Amino acid sequence: GDKIIYCAGALAQRYEALNGSLIYAGKPYPPIYAAALQLAERALGSPV
C-alpha cells in the first residue's frame, strides 16, 4: 500500500557490510532470468 516494508535484501546488505558471505537468489542475478526465458520459450513454442 503506502507503507515501506523492509525485505530480505536489507538484511543481506547489512550482512555484507559485516563481511558476511552472501548467495543471492532472484533479480538481478542470472538464474532467475534463465528460468524465466525457459518458461517463455515453452509458452512461445519456439526459441526466444
All heavy atoms as atom14 arrays in JSON, in Angstrom:
{
  "sequence": "GDKIIYCAGALAQRYEALNGSLIYAGKPYPPIYAAALQLAERALGSPV",
  "atom14_mask": [
    [1, 1, 1, 1, 0, 0, 0, 0, 0, 0, 0, 0, 0, 0],
    [1, 1, 1, 1, 1, 1, 1, 1, 0, 0, 0, 0, 0, 0],
    [1, 1, 1, 1, 1, 1, 1, 1, 1, 0, 0, 0, 0, 0],
    [1, 1, 1, 1, 1, 1, 1, 1, 0, 0, 0, 0, 0, 0],
    [1, 1, 1, 1, 1, 1, 1, 1, 0, 0, 0, 0, 0, 0],
    [1, 1, 1, 1, 1, 1, 1, 1, 1, 1, 1, 1, 0, 0],
    [1, 1, 1, 1, 1, 1, 0, 0, 0, 0, 0, 0, 0, 0],
    [1, 1, 1, 1, 1, 0, 0, 0, 0, 0, 0, 0, 0, 0],
    [1, 1, 1, 1, 0, 0, 0, 0, 0, 0, 0, 0, 0, 0],
    [1, 1, 1, 1, 1, 0, 0, 0, 0, 0, 0, 0, 0, 0],
    [1, 1, 1, 1, 1, 1, 1, 1, 0, 0, 0, 0, 0, 0],
    [1, 1, 1, 1, 1, 0, 0, 0, 0, 0, 0, 0, 0, 0],
    [1, 1, 1, 1, 1, 1, 1, 1, 1, 0, 0, 0, 0, 0],
    [1, 1, 1, 1, 1, 1, 1, 1, 1, 1, 1, 0, 0, 0],
    [1, 1, 1, 1, 1, 1, 1, 1, 1, 1, 1, 1, 0, 0],
    [1, 1, 1, 1, 1, 1, 1, 1, 1, 0, 0, 0, 0, 0],
    [1, 1, 1, 1, 1, 0, 0, 0, 0, 0, 0, 0, 0, 0],
    [1, 1, 1, 1, 1, 1, 1, 1, 0, 0, 0, 0, 0, 0],
    [1, 1, 1, 1, 1, 1, 1, 1, 0, 0, 0, 0, 0, 0],
    [1, 1, 1, 1, 0, 0, 0, 0, 0, 0, 0, 0, 0, 0],
    [1, 1, 1, 1, 1, 1, 0, 0, 0, 0, 0, 0, 0, 0],
    [1, 1, 1, 1, 1, 1, 1, 1, 0, 0, 0, 0, 0, 0],
    [1, 1, 1, 1, 1, 1, 1, 1, 0, 0, 0, 0, 0, 0],
    [1, 1, 1, 1, 1, 1, 1, 1, 1, 1, 1, 1, 0, 0],
    [1, 1, 1, 1, 1, 0, 0, 0, 0, 0, 0, 0, 0, 0],
    [1, 1, 1, 1, 0, 0, 0, 0, 0, 0, 0, 0, 0, 0],
    [1, 1, 1, 1, 1, 1, 1, 1, 1, 0, 0, 0, 0, 0],
    [1, 1, 1, 1, 1, 1, 1, 0, 0, 0, 0, 0, 0, 0],
    [1, 1, 1, 1, 1, 1, 1, 1, 1, 1, 1, 1, 0, 0],
    [1, 1, 1, 1, 1, 1, 1, 0, 0, 0, 0, 0, 0, 0],
    [1, 1, 1, 1, 1, 1, 1, 0, 0, 0, 0, 0, 0, 0],
    [1, 1, 1, 1, 1, 1, 1, 1, 0, 0, 0, 0, 0, 0],
    [1, 1, 1, 1, 1, 1, 1, 1, 1, 1, 1, 1, 0, 0],
    [1, 1, 1, 1, 1, 0, 0, 0, 0, 0, 0, 0, 0, 0],
    [1, 1, 1, 1, 1, 0, 0, 0, 0, 0, 0, 0, 0, 0],
    [1, 1, 1, 1, 1, 0, 0, 0, 0, 0, 0, 0, 0, 0],
    [1, 1, 1, 1, 1, 1, 1, 1, 0, 0, 0, 0, 0, 0],
    [1, 1, 1, 1, 1, 1, 1, 1, 1, 0, 0, 0, 0, 0],
    [1, 1, 1, 1, 1, 1, 1, 1, 0, 0, 0, 0, 0, 0],
    [1, 1, 1, 1, 1, 0, 0, 0, 0, 0, 0, 0, 0, 0],
    [1, 1, 1, 1, 1, 1, 1, 1, 1, 0, 0, 0, 0, 0],
    [1, 1, 1, 1, 1, 1, 1, 1, 1, 1, 1, 0, 0, 0],
    [1, 1, 1, 1, 1, 0, 0, 0, 0, 0, 0, 0, 0, 0],
    [1, 1, 1, 1, 1, 1, 1, 1, 0, 0, 0, 0, 0, 0],
    [1, 1, 1, 1, 0, 0, 0, 0, 0, 0, 0, 0, 0, 0],
    [1, 1, 1, 1, 1, 1, 0, 0, 0, 0, 0, 0, 0, 0],
    [1, 1, 1, 1, 1, 1, 1, 0, 0, 0, 0, 0, 0, 0],
    [1, 1, 1, 1, 1, 1, 1, 0, 0, 0, 0, 0, 0, 0]
  ],
  "atom14_positions": [
    [[0.85, -1.18, 0.0], [0.0, 0.0, 0.0], [0.89, 1.23, 0.0], [1.74, 1.4, -0.87], [0.0, 0.0, 0.0], [0.0, 0.0, 0.0], [0.0, 0.0, 0.0], [0.0, 0.0, 0.0], [0.0, 0.0, 0.0], [0.0, 0.0, 0.0], [0.0, 0.0, 0.0], [0.0, 0.0, 0.0], [0.0, 0.0, 0.0], [0.0, 0.0, 0.0]],
    [[0.73, 2.08, 1.01], [1.56, 3.29, 1.11], [2.72, 3.13, 2.09], [3.53, 4.04, 2.26], [0.7, 4.49, 1.55], [-0.3, 4.89, 0.48], [0.04, 4.75, -0.71], [-1.4, 5.32, 0.83], [0.0, 0.0, 0.0], [0.0, 0.0, 0.0], [0.0, 0.0, 0.0], [0.0, 0.0, 0.0], [0.0, 0.0, 0.0], [0.0, 0.0, 0.0]],
    [[2.82, 1.97, 2.74], [3.85, 1.76, 3.76], [5.08, 1.1, 3.16], [4.98, 0.18, 2.35], [3.29, 0.88, 4.89], [4.25, 0.73, 6.07], [3.62, -0.06, 7.2], [4.59, -0.19, 8.36], [4.02, -0.98, 9.47], [0.0, 0.0, 0.0], [0.0, 0.0, 0.0], [0.0, 0.0, 0.0], [0.0, 0.0, 0.0], [0.0, 0.0, 0.0]],
    [[6.26, 1.55, 3.56], [7.52, 0.95, 3.11], [7.87, -0.2, 4.04], [7.9, -0.04, 5.27], [8.66, 1.98, 3.07], [8.38, 3.02, 1.96], [9.99, 1.3, 2.82], [9.42, 4.1, 1.85], [0.0, 0.0, 0.0], [0.0, 0.0, 0.0], [0.0, 0.0, 0.0], [0.0, 0.0, 0.0], [0.0, 0.0, 0.0], [0.0, 0.0, 0.0]],
    [[8.14, -1.37, 3.45], [8.44, -2.59, 4.19], [9.86, -3.05, 3.85], [10.24, -3.08, 2.67], [7.44, -3.71, 3.8], [5.99, -3.27, 4.08], [7.77, -5.01, 4.52], [5.67, -3.05, 5.53], [0.0, 0.0, 0.0], [0.0, 0.0, 0.0], [0.0, 0.0, 0.0], [0.0, 0.0, 0.0], [0.0, 0.0, 0.0], [0.0, 0.0, 0.0]],
    [[10.63, -3.43, 4.86], [11.97, -3.97, 4.62], [11.88, -5.43, 4.19], [11.05, -6.19, 4.69], [12.83, -3.86, 5.88], [13.29, -2.46, 6.17], [12.64, -1.69, 7.14], [14.37, -1.91, 5.49], [13.05, -0.4, 7.42], [14.78, -0.61, 5.77], [14.13, 0.14, 6.72], [14.54, 1.42, 6.98], [0.0, 0.0, 0.0], [0.0, 0.0, 0.0]],
    [[12.77, -5.81, 3.25], [12.8, -7.17, 2.72], [14.13, -7.85, 3.1], [15.01, -7.23, 3.71], [12.67, -7.15, 1.2], [11.15, -6.39, 0.61], [0.0, 0.0, 0.0], [0.0, 0.0, 0.0], [0.0, 0.0, 0.0], [0.0, 0.0, 0.0], [0.0, 0.0, 0.0], [0.0, 0.0, 0.0], [0.0, 0.0, 0.0], [0.0, 0.0, 0.0]],
    [[14.26, -9.11, 2.67], [15.48, -9.87, 2.98], [16.73, -9.18, 2.47], [17.8, -9.27, 3.1], [15.37, -11.27, 2.38], [0.0, 0.0, 0.0], [0.0, 0.0, 0.0], [0.0, 0.0, 0.0], [0.0, 0.0, 0.0], [0.0, 0.0, 0.0], [0.0, 0.0, 0.0], [0.0, 0.0, 0.0], [0.0, 0.0, 0.0], [0.0, 0.0, 0.0]],
    [[16.62, -8.48, 1.34], [17.78, -7.8, 0.78], [18.38, -6.76, 1.72], [19.59, -6.51, 1.69], [0.0, 0.0, 0.0], [0.0, 0.0, 0.0], [0.0, 0.0, 0.0], [0.0, 0.0, 0.0], [0.0, 0.0, 0.0], [0.0, 0.0, 0.0], [0.0, 0.0, 0.0], [0.0, 0.0, 0.0], [0.0, 0.0, 0.0], [0.0, 0.0, 0.0]],
    [[17.54, -6.16, 2.57], [18.04, -5.18, 3.54], [18.92, -5.86, 4.59], [19.96, -5.34, 4.99], [16.88, -4.45, 4.2], [0.0, 0.0, 0.0], [0.0, 0.0, 0.0], [0.0, 0.0, 0.0], [0.0, 0.0, 0.0], [0.0, 0.0, 0.0], [0.0, 0.0, 0.0], [0.0, 0.0, 0.0], [0.0, 0.0, 0.0], [0.0, 0.0, 0.0]],
    [[18.49, -7.04, 5.03], [19.3, -7.8, 5.99], [20.59, -8.3, 5.32], [21.67, -8.27, 5.93], [18.51, -8.99, 6.53], [17.28, -8.65, 7.37], [16.56, -9.92, 7.8], [17.64, -7.81, 8.58], [0.0, 0.0, 0.0], [0.0, 0.0, 0.0], [0.0, 0.0, 0.0], [0.0, 0.0, 0.0], [0.0, 0.0, 0.0], [0.0, 0.0, 0.0]],
    [[20.48, -8.73, 4.06], [21.66, -9.19, 3.34], [22.66, -8.07, 3.13], [23.88, -8.26, 3.25], [21.24, -9.78, 1.99], [0.0, 0.0, 0.0], [0.0, 0.0, 0.0], [0.0, 0.0, 0.0], [0.0, 0.0, 0.0], [0.0, 0.0, 0.0], [0.0, 0.0, 0.0], [0.0, 0.0, 0.0], [0.0, 0.0, 0.0], [0.0, 0.0, 0.0]],
    [[22.15, -6.88, 2.83], [23.03, -5.72, 2.64], [23.82, -5.43, 3.92], [25.02, -5.15, 3.88], [22.17, -4.51, 2.26], [22.94, -3.28, 1.85], [22.01, -2.16, 1.42], [21.2, -1.68, 2.2], [22.11, -1.75, 0.18], [0.0, 0.0, 0.0], [0.0, 0.0, 0.0], [0.0, 0.0, 0.0], [0.0, 0.0, 0.0], [0.0, 0.0, 0.0]],
    [[23.13, -5.51, 5.07], [23.82, -5.29, 6.35], [24.81, -6.41, 6.61], [25.92, -6.16, 7.12], [22.79, -5.19, 7.49], [23.41, -5.06, 8.88], [24.33, -3.85, 8.96], [25.04, -3.8, 10.25], [26.21, -3.22, 10.42], [26.84, -2.64, 9.39], [26.79, -3.23, 11.61], [0.0, 0.0, 0.0], [0.0, 0.0, 0.0], [0.0, 0.0, 0.0]],
    [[24.46, -7.65, 6.26], [25.36, -8.78, 6.48], [26.63, -8.63, 5.63], [27.73, -8.94, 6.09], [24.63, -10.08, 6.15], [25.36, -11.32, 6.63], [25.75, -11.46, 7.95], [25.65, -12.37, 5.76], [26.41, -12.59, 8.41], [26.31, -13.52, 6.2], [26.69, -13.61, 7.52], [27.34, -14.73, 7.96], [0.0, 0.0, 0.0], [0.0, 0.0, 0.0]],
    [[26.47, -8.15, 4.42], [27.64, -7.89, 3.57], [28.54, -6.85, 4.2], [29.77, -6.96, 4.15], [27.2, -7.43, 2.18], [27.0, -8.57, 1.2], [26.84, -8.07, -0.23], [26.0, -7.2, -0.45], [27.56, -8.58, -1.11], [0.0, 0.0, 0.0], [0.0, 0.0, 0.0], [0.0, 0.0, 0.0], [0.0, 0.0, 0.0], [0.0, 0.0, 0.0]],
    [[27.95, -5.82, 4.81], [28.74, -4.78, 5.48], [29.52, -5.34, 6.66], [30.56, -4.79, 7.05], [27.82, -3.65, 5.95], [0.0, 0.0, 0.0], [0.0, 0.0, 0.0], [0.0, 0.0, 0.0], [0.0, 0.0, 0.0], [0.0, 0.0, 0.0], [0.0, 0.0, 0.0], [0.0, 0.0, 0.0], [0.0, 0.0, 0.0], [0.0, 0.0, 0.0]],
    [[29.05, -6.47, 7.2], [29.75, -7.15, 8.29], [30.72, -8.2, 7.75], [31.21, -9.04, 8.5], [28.74, -7.81, 9.23], [27.81, -6.88, 10.01], [26.68, -7.66, 10.67], [28.59, -6.08, 11.05], [0.0, 0.0, 0.0], [0.0, 0.0, 0.0], [0.0, 0.0, 0.0], [0.0, 0.0, 0.0], [0.0, 0.0, 0.0], [0.0, 0.0, 0.0]],
    [[30.98, -8.15, 6.43], [31.86, -9.09, 5.74], [31.29, -10.52, 5.71], [32.04, -11.49, 5.63], [33.27, -9.1, 6.37], [33.96, -7.77, 6.21], [33.92, -7.18, 5.13], [34.58, -7.29, 7.27], [0.0, 0.0, 0.0], [0.0, 0.0, 0.0], [0.0, 0.0, 0.0], [0.0, 0.0, 0.0], [0.0, 0.0, 0.0], [0.0, 0.0, 0.0]],
    [[29.98, -10.61, 5.77], [29.33, -11.91, 5.65], [29.31, -12.38, 4.2], [29.31, -11.58, 3.27], [0.0, 0.0, 0.0], [0.0, 0.0, 0.0], [0.0, 0.0, 0.0], [0.0, 0.0, 0.0], [0.0, 0.0, 0.0], [0.0, 0.0, 0.0], [0.0, 0.0, 0.0], [0.0, 0.0, 0.0], [0.0, 0.0, 0.0], [0.0, 0.0, 0.0]],
    [[29.27, -13.69, 4.02], [29.25, -14.3, 2.68], [27.81, -14.49, 2.22], [27.0, -15.1, 2.93], [29.98, -15.64, 2.73], [29.84, -16.34, 1.52], [0.0, 0.0, 0.0], [0.0, 0.0, 0.0], [0.0, 0.0, 0.0], [0.0, 0.0, 0.0], [0.0, 0.0, 0.0], [0.0, 0.0, 0.0], [0.0, 0.0, 0.0], [0.0, 0.0, 0.0]],
    [[27.49, -13.97, 1.02], [26.11, -13.99, 0.52], [25.97, -14.8, -0.75], [26.85, -14.77, -1.62], [25.63, -12.57, 0.23], [24.83, -11.81, 1.3], [23.53, -12.5, 1.61], [25.64, -11.6, 2.54], [0.0, 0.0, 0.0], [0.0, 0.0, 0.0], [0.0, 0.0, 0.0], [0.0, 0.0, 0.0], [0.0, 0.0, 0.0], [0.0, 0.0, 0.0]],
    [[24.85, -15.51, -0.86], [24.42, -16.14, -2.11], [23.03, -15.59, -2.38], [22.12, -15.75, -1.56], [24.36, -17.68, -1.97], [25.72, -18.25, -1.58], [23.86, -18.32, -3.27], [25.66, -19.7, -1.1], [0.0, 0.0, 0.0], [0.0, 0.0, 0.0], [0.0, 0.0, 0.0], [0.0, 0.0, 0.0], [0.0, 0.0, 0.0], [0.0, 0.0, 0.0]],
    [[22.86, -14.92, -3.52], [21.58, -14.28, -3.82], [20.76, -15.1, -4.81], [21.26, -15.53, -5.85], [21.8, -12.89, -4.43], [22.21, -11.82, -3.44], [23.54, -11.43, -3.32], [21.26, -11.19, -2.65], [23.92, -10.44, -2.44], [21.63, -10.19, -1.77], [22.95, -9.81, -1.66], [23.32, -8.83, -0.78], [0.0, 0.0, 0.0], [0.0, 0.0, 0.0]],
    [[19.49, -15.29, -4.5], [18.53, -15.8, -5.47], [17.73, -14.6, -5.99], [17.63, -13.58, -5.33], [17.6, -16.81, -4.8], [0.0, 0.0, 0.0], [0.0, 0.0, 0.0], [0.0, 0.0, 0.0], [0.0, 0.0, 0.0], [0.0, 0.0, 0.0], [0.0, 0.0, 0.0], [0.0, 0.0, 0.0], [0.0, 0.0, 0.0], [0.0, 0.0, 0.0]],
    [[17.18, -14.73, -7.16], [16.31, -13.66, -7.66], [17.03, -12.56, -8.4], [18.24, -12.6, -8.65], [0.0, 0.0, 0.0], [0.0, 0.0, 0.0], [0.0, 0.0, 0.0], [0.0, 0.0, 0.0], [0.0, 0.0, 0.0], [0.0, 0.0, 0.0], [0.0, 0.0, 0.0], [0.0, 0.0, 0.0], [0.0, 0.0, 0.0], [0.0, 0.0, 0.0]],
    [[16.25, -11.55, -8.78], [16.78, -10.42, -9.54], [17.7, -9.59, -8.65], [17.41, -9.42, -7.47], [15.61, -9.54, -10.02], [14.62, -10.27, -10.92], [13.4, -9.41, -11.25], [12.48, -9.29, -10.05], [11.23, -8.55, -10.36], [0.0, 0.0, 0.0], [0.0, 0.0, 0.0], [0.0, 0.0, 0.0], [0.0, 0.0, 0.0], [0.0, 0.0, 0.0]],
    [[18.8, -9.09, -9.18], [19.21, -9.01, -10.59], [20.16, -10.12, -11.04], [20.92, -9.93, -11.99], [19.96, -7.67, -10.62], [20.65, -7.62, -9.28], [19.68, -8.26, -8.31], [0.0, 0.0, 0.0], [0.0, 0.0, 0.0], [0.0, 0.0, 0.0], [0.0, 0.0, 0.0], [0.0, 0.0, 0.0], [0.0, 0.0, 0.0], [0.0, 0.0, 0.0]],
    [[20.12, -11.27, -10.41], [21.12, -12.31, -10.67], [20.64, -13.26, -11.78], [19.44, -13.46, -11.98], [21.47, -13.03, -9.37], [22.02, -12.04, -8.37], [21.19, -11.42, -7.44], [23.36, -11.66, -8.41], [21.68, -10.47, -6.56], [23.85, -10.71, -7.54], [23.02, -10.12, -6.62], [23.5, -9.15, -5.76], [0.0, 0.0, 0.0], [0.0, 0.0, 0.0]],
    [[21.57, -13.89, -12.52], [21.24, -14.62, -13.75], [20.28, -15.8, -13.62], [19.46, -15.99, -14.53], [22.62, -15.09, -14.26], [23.59, -14.13, -13.69], [23.05, -13.76, -12.35], [0.0, 0.0, 0.0], [0.0, 0.0, 0.0], [0.0, 0.0, 0.0], [0.0, 0.0, 0.0], [0.0, 0.0, 0.0], [0.0, 0.0, 0.0], [0.0, 0.0, 0.0]],
    [[20.32, -16.64, -12.55], [19.5, -17.85, -12.57], [18.01, -17.62, -12.79], [17.36, -18.38, -13.51], [19.78, -18.48, -11.21], [21.15, -18.01, -10.85], [21.21, -16.6, -11.37], [0.0, 0.0, 0.0], [0.0, 0.0, 0.0], [0.0, 0.0, 0.0], [0.0, 0.0, 0.0], [0.0, 0.0, 0.0], [0.0, 0.0, 0.0], [0.0, 0.0, 0.0]],
    [[17.45, -16.55, -12.21], [16.02, -16.34, -12.35], [15.65, -15.92, -13.78], [14.58, -16.25, -14.28], [15.5, -15.3, -11.31], [13.98, -15.4, -11.2], [15.97, -13.9, -11.64], [13.41, -14.65, -10.01], [0.0, 0.0, 0.0], [0.0, 0.0, 0.0], [0.0, 0.0, 0.0], [0.0, 0.0, 0.0], [0.0, 0.0, 0.0], [0.0, 0.0, 0.0]],
    [[16.57, -15.23, -14.46], [16.31, -14.86, -15.86], [16.39, -16.07, -16.78], [15.6, -16.21, -17.72], [17.27, -13.74, -16.3], [16.95, -12.44, -15.63], [17.59, -12.08, -14.45], [15.99, -11.59, -16.14], [17.28, -10.9, -13.8], [15.66, -10.4, -15.5], [16.31, -10.06, -14.32], [15.99, -8.9, -13.68], [0.0, 0.0, 0.0], [0.0, 0.0, 0.0]],
    [[17.33, -16.96, -16.5], [17.42, -18.19, -17.28], [16.14, -19.01, -17.14], [15.6, -19.53, -18.13], [18.63, -19.01, -16.82], [0.0, 0.0, 0.0], [0.0, 0.0, 0.0], [0.0, 0.0, 0.0], [0.0, 0.0, 0.0], [0.0, 0.0, 0.0], [0.0, 0.0, 0.0], [0.0, 0.0, 0.0], [0.0, 0.0, 0.0], [0.0, 0.0, 0.0]],
    [[15.62, -19.08, -15.91], [14.38, -19.82, -15.67], [13.2, -19.15, -16.37], [12.34, -19.82, -16.97], [14.12, -19.92, -14.18], [0.0, 0.0, 0.0], [0.0, 0.0, 0.0], [0.0, 0.0, 0.0], [0.0, 0.0, 0.0], [0.0, 0.0, 0.0], [0.0, 0.0, 0.0], [0.0, 0.0, 0.0], [0.0, 0.0, 0.0], [0.0, 0.0, 0.0]],
    [[13.14, -17.81, -16.33], [12.05, -17.08, -16.96], [12.06, -17.25, -18.47], [11.01, -17.45, -19.1], [12.15, -15.6, -16.6], [0.0, 0.0, 0.0], [0.0, 0.0, 0.0], [0.0, 0.0, 0.0], [0.0, 0.0, 0.0], [0.0, 0.0, 0.0], [0.0, 0.0, 0.0], [0.0, 0.0, 0.0], [0.0, 0.0, 0.0], [0.0, 0.0, 0.0]],
    [[13.24, -17.19, -19.07], [13.34, -17.35, -20.53], [12.99, -18.77, -20.96], [12.44, -18.98, -22.04], [14.74, -16.95, -21.0], [15.05, -15.45, -20.88], [16.52, -15.18, -21.13], [14.19, -14.64, -21.84], [0.0, 0.0, 0.0], [0.0, 0.0, 0.0], [0.0, 0.0, 0.0], [0.0, 0.0, 0.0], [0.0, 0.0, 0.0], [0.0, 0.0, 0.0]],
    [[13.3, -19.73, -20.12], [12.93, -21.11, -20.4], [11.41, -21.26, -20.43], [10.84, -21.92, -21.32], [13.53, -22.02, -19.32], [13.82, -23.44, -19.78], [14.66, -24.18, -18.74], [14.43, -24.04, -17.53], [15.59, -24.97, -19.18], [0.0, 0.0, 0.0], [0.0, 0.0, 0.0], [0.0, 0.0, 0.0], [0.0, 0.0, 0.0], [0.0, 0.0, 0.0]],
    [[10.74, -20.63, -19.47], [9.28, -20.65, -19.44], [8.68, -19.9, -20.63], [7.67, -20.32, -21.2], [8.77, -20.04, -18.13], [9.03, -20.85, -16.86], [8.66, -20.03, -15.64], [8.25, -22.15, -16.88], [0.0, 0.0, 0.0], [0.0, 0.0, 0.0], [0.0, 0.0, 0.0], [0.0, 0.0, 0.0], [0.0, 0.0, 0.0], [0.0, 0.0, 0.0]],
    [[9.31, -18.8, -21.02], [8.84, -18.04, -22.18], [8.96, -18.86, -23.46], [8.06, -18.85, -24.31], [9.64, -16.74, -22.31], [0.0, 0.0, 0.0], [0.0, 0.0, 0.0], [0.0, 0.0, 0.0], [0.0, 0.0, 0.0], [0.0, 0.0, 0.0], [0.0, 0.0, 0.0], [0.0, 0.0, 0.0], [0.0, 0.0, 0.0], [0.0, 0.0, 0.0]],
    [[10.06, -19.59, -23.58], [10.27, -20.45, -24.74], [9.2, -21.53, -24.81], [8.67, -21.84, -25.88], [11.67, -21.07, -24.66], [12.12, -21.75, -25.93], [13.62, -22.02, -25.91], [14.39, -21.04, -26.01], [13.99, -23.2, -25.77], [0.0, 0.0, 0.0], [0.0, 0.0, 0.0], [0.0, 0.0, 0.0], [0.0, 0.0, 0.0], [0.0, 0.0, 0.0]],
    [[8.87, -22.08, -23.65], [7.82, -23.1, -23.61], [6.47, -22.51, -24.03], [5.7, -23.13, -24.76], [7.73, -23.68, -22.2], [6.88, -24.93, -22.06], [6.89, -25.42, -20.63], [8.23, -25.63, -20.12], [8.53, -25.76, -18.83], [7.56, -25.67, -17.92], [9.77, -25.98, -18.45], [0.0, 0.0, 0.0], [0.0, 0.0, 0.0], [0.0, 0.0, 0.0]],
    [[6.18, -21.28, -23.56], [4.92, -20.63, -23.9], [4.85, -20.25, -25.38], [3.8, -20.37, -26.02], [4.72, -19.39, -23.03], [0.0, 0.0, 0.0], [0.0, 0.0, 0.0], [0.0, 0.0, 0.0], [0.0, 0.0, 0.0], [0.0, 0.0, 0.0], [0.0, 0.0, 0.0], [0.0, 0.0, 0.0], [0.0, 0.0, 0.0], [0.0, 0.0, 0.0]],
    [[5.99, -19.82, -25.93], [6.04, -19.46, -27.35], [6.01, -20.67, -28.27], [5.5, -20.6, -29.39], [7.33, -18.67, -27.65], [7.34, -17.16, -27.46], [8.75, -16.63, -27.71], [6.34, -16.47, -28.38], [0.0, 0.0, 0.0], [0.0, 0.0, 0.0], [0.0, 0.0, 0.0], [0.0, 0.0, 0.0], [0.0, 0.0, 0.0], [0.0, 0.0, 0.0]],
    [[6.57, -21.76, -27.77], [6.69, -22.95, -28.61], [7.82, -22.84, -29.61], [7.85, -23.57, -30.61], [0.0, 0.0, 0.0], [0.0, 0.0, 0.0], [0.0, 0.0, 0.0], [0.0, 0.0, 0.0], [0.0, 0.0, 0.0], [0.0, 0.0, 0.0], [0.0, 0.0, 0.0], [0.0, 0.0, 0.0], [0.0, 0.0, 0.0], [0.0, 0.0, 0.0]],
    [[8.75, -21.92, -29.34], [9.89, -21.72, -30.24], [11.0, -21.01, -29.47], [10.75, -20.45, -28.4], [9.49, -20.87, -31.46], [9.05, -19.58, -31.04], [0.0, 0.0, 0.0], [0.0, 0.0, 0.0], [0.0, 0.0, 0.0], [0.0, 0.0, 0.0], [0.0, 0.0, 0.0], [0.0, 0.0, 0.0], [0.0, 0.0, 0.0], [0.0, 0.0, 0.0]],
    [[12.24, -21.03, -29.99], [13.33, -20.34, -29.3], [13.04, -18.85, -29.13], [12.37, -18.23, -29.96], [14.53, -20.57, -30.23], [14.19, -21.81, -30.99], [12.71, -21.77, -31.19], [0.0, 0.0, 0.0], [0.0, 0.0, 0.0], [0.0, 0.0, 0.0], [0.0, 0.0, 0.0], [0.0, 0.0, 0.0], [0.0, 0.0, 0.0], [0.0, 0.0, 0.0]],
    [[13.53, -18.28, -28.04], [13.32, -16.87, -27.73], [14.46, -16.04, -28.3], [15.63, -16.35, -28.08], [13.23, -16.66, -26.2], [13.22, -15.17, -25.86], [11.98, -17.33, -25.64], [0.0, 0.0, 0.0], [0.0, 0.0, 0.0], [0.0, 0.0, 0.0], [0.0, 0.0, 0.0], [0.0, 0.0, 0.0], [0.0, 0.0, 0.0], [0.0, 0.0, 0.0]]
  ]
}
